[in-house]
């Protein structure tokens, strides 16, 4: 049996792999930004050390 290699399928899988690798670095940054936004609403400000402002 011969298997036919489809170039468009290989290109599609390669592009999907690149997209997943690119998103893997964005998701932690987005999560950190969301946590920072919520913490800011709760009254925390960026200082050294981080503490809640009364």
C-alpha atoms as a PDB file:
ATOM      1  CA  UNK A   1       0.000   0.000   0.000  1.00  0.00           C
ATOM      2  CA  UNK A   2       1.197   3.465  -0.864  1.00  0.00           C
ATOM      3  CA  UNK A   3       0.395   6.408   1.365  1.00  0.00           C
ATOM      4  CA  UNK A   4      -0.122   9.721  -0.312  1.00  0.00           C
ATOM      5  CA  UNK A   5       1.572  12.649   1.411  1.00  0.00           C
ATOM      6  CA  UNK A   6      -0.621  15.695   1.177  1.00  0.00           C
ATOM      7  CA  UNK A   7       1.367  18.949   1.284  1.00  0.00           C
ATOM      8  CA  UNK A   8      -1.620  21.034   2.390  1.00  0.00           C
ATOM      9  CA  UNK A   9      -2.178  18.726   5.387  1.00  0.00           C
ATOM     10  CA  UNK A  10       1.477  19.020   6.417  1.00  0.00           C
ATOM     11  CA  UNK A  11       1.325  22.808   6.047  1.00  0.00           C
ATOM     12  CA  UNK A  12      -1.881  22.958   8.097  1.00  0.00           C
ATOM     13  CA  UNK A  13      -0.411  20.862  10.910  1.00  0.00           C
ATOM     14  CA  UNK A  14       2.771  22.956  10.903  1.00  0.00           C
ATOM     15  CA  UNK A  15       0.807  26.204  11.094  1.00  0.00           C
ATOM     16  CA  UNK A  16      -1.345  24.840  13.925  1.00  0.00           C
ATOM     17  CA  UNK A  17       1.799  23.842  15.821  1.00  0.00           C
ATOM     18  CA  UNK A  18       3.278  27.312  15.436  1.00  0.00           C
ATOM     19  CA  UNK A  19       0.068  28.927  16.633  1.00  0.00           C
ATOM     20  CA  UNK A  20      -0.039  26.695  19.716  1.00  0.00           C
ATOM     21  CA  UNK A  21       3.591  27.483  20.531  1.00  0.00           C
ATOM     22  CA  UNK A  22       2.932  31.202  20.148  1.00  0.00           C
ATOM     23  CA  UNK A  23      -0.128  31.109  22.367  1.00  0.00           C
ATOM     24  CA  UNK A  24       1.682  29.206  25.083  1.00  0.00           C
ATOM     25  CA  UNK A  25       3.739  32.299  25.855  1.00  0.00           C
ATOM     26  CA  UNK A  26       0.749  34.674  25.729  1.00  0.00           C
ATOM     27  CA  UNK A  27      -1.530  32.827  28.130  1.00  0.00           C
ATOM     28  CA  UNK A  28       0.626  33.257  31.279  1.00  0.00           C
ATOM     29  CA  UNK A  29       1.027  36.947  30.483  1.00  0.00           C
ATOM     30  CA  UNK A  30      -2.715  37.384  30.061  1.00  0.00           C
ATOM     31  CA  UNK A  31      -3.369  35.536  33.322  1.00  0.00           C
ATOM     32  CA  UNK A  32      -0.863  37.737  35.156  1.00  0.00           C
ATOM     33  CA  UNK A  33      -2.470  40.860  33.765  1.00  0.00           C
ATOM     34  CA  UNK A  34      -5.911  39.689  34.871  1.00  0.00           C
ATOM     35  CA  UNK A  35      -4.663  38.949  38.401  1.00  0.00           C
ATOM     36  CA  UNK A  36      -3.007  42.368  38.558  1.00  0.00           C
ATOM     37  CA  UNK A  37      -6.214  44.062  37.463  1.00  0.00           C
ATOM     38  CA  UNK A  38      -8.271  42.271  40.109  1.00  0.00           C
ATOM     39  CA  UNK A  39      -5.666  42.985  42.802  1.00  0.00           C
ATOM     40  CA  UNK A  40      -5.685  46.671  41.858  1.00  0.00           C
ATOM     41  CA  UNK A  41      -9.470  46.758  42.277  1.00  0.00           C
ATOM     42  CA  UNK A  42      -9.096  45.126  45.706  1.00  0.00           C
ATOM     43  CA  UNK A  43      -6.827  47.952  46.859  1.00  0.00           C
ATOM     44  CA  UNK A  44      -3.353  46.524  46.310  1.00  0.00           C
ATOM     45  CA  UNK A  45      -0.745  48.825  44.761  1.00  0.00           C
ATOM     46  CA  UNK A  46       2.670  47.980  43.379  1.00  0.00           C
ATOM     47  CA  UNK A  47       5.192  48.901  46.036  1.00  0.00           C
ATOM     48  CA  UNK A  48       8.158  47.272  47.658  1.00  0.00           C
ATOM     49  CA  UNK A  49       6.999  45.104  49.408  1.00  0.00           C
ATOM     50  CA  UNK A  50       3.508  44.687  47.917  1.00  0.00           C
ATOM     51  CA  UNK A  51       0.887  45.471  50.520  1.00  0.00           C
ATOM     52  CA  UNK A  52      -2.719  46.558  50.722  1.00  0.00           C
ATOM     53  CA  UNK A  53      -3.289  50.294  50.889  1.00  0.00           C
ATOM     54  CA  UNK A  54      -5.849  51.249  53.532  1.00  0.00           C
END
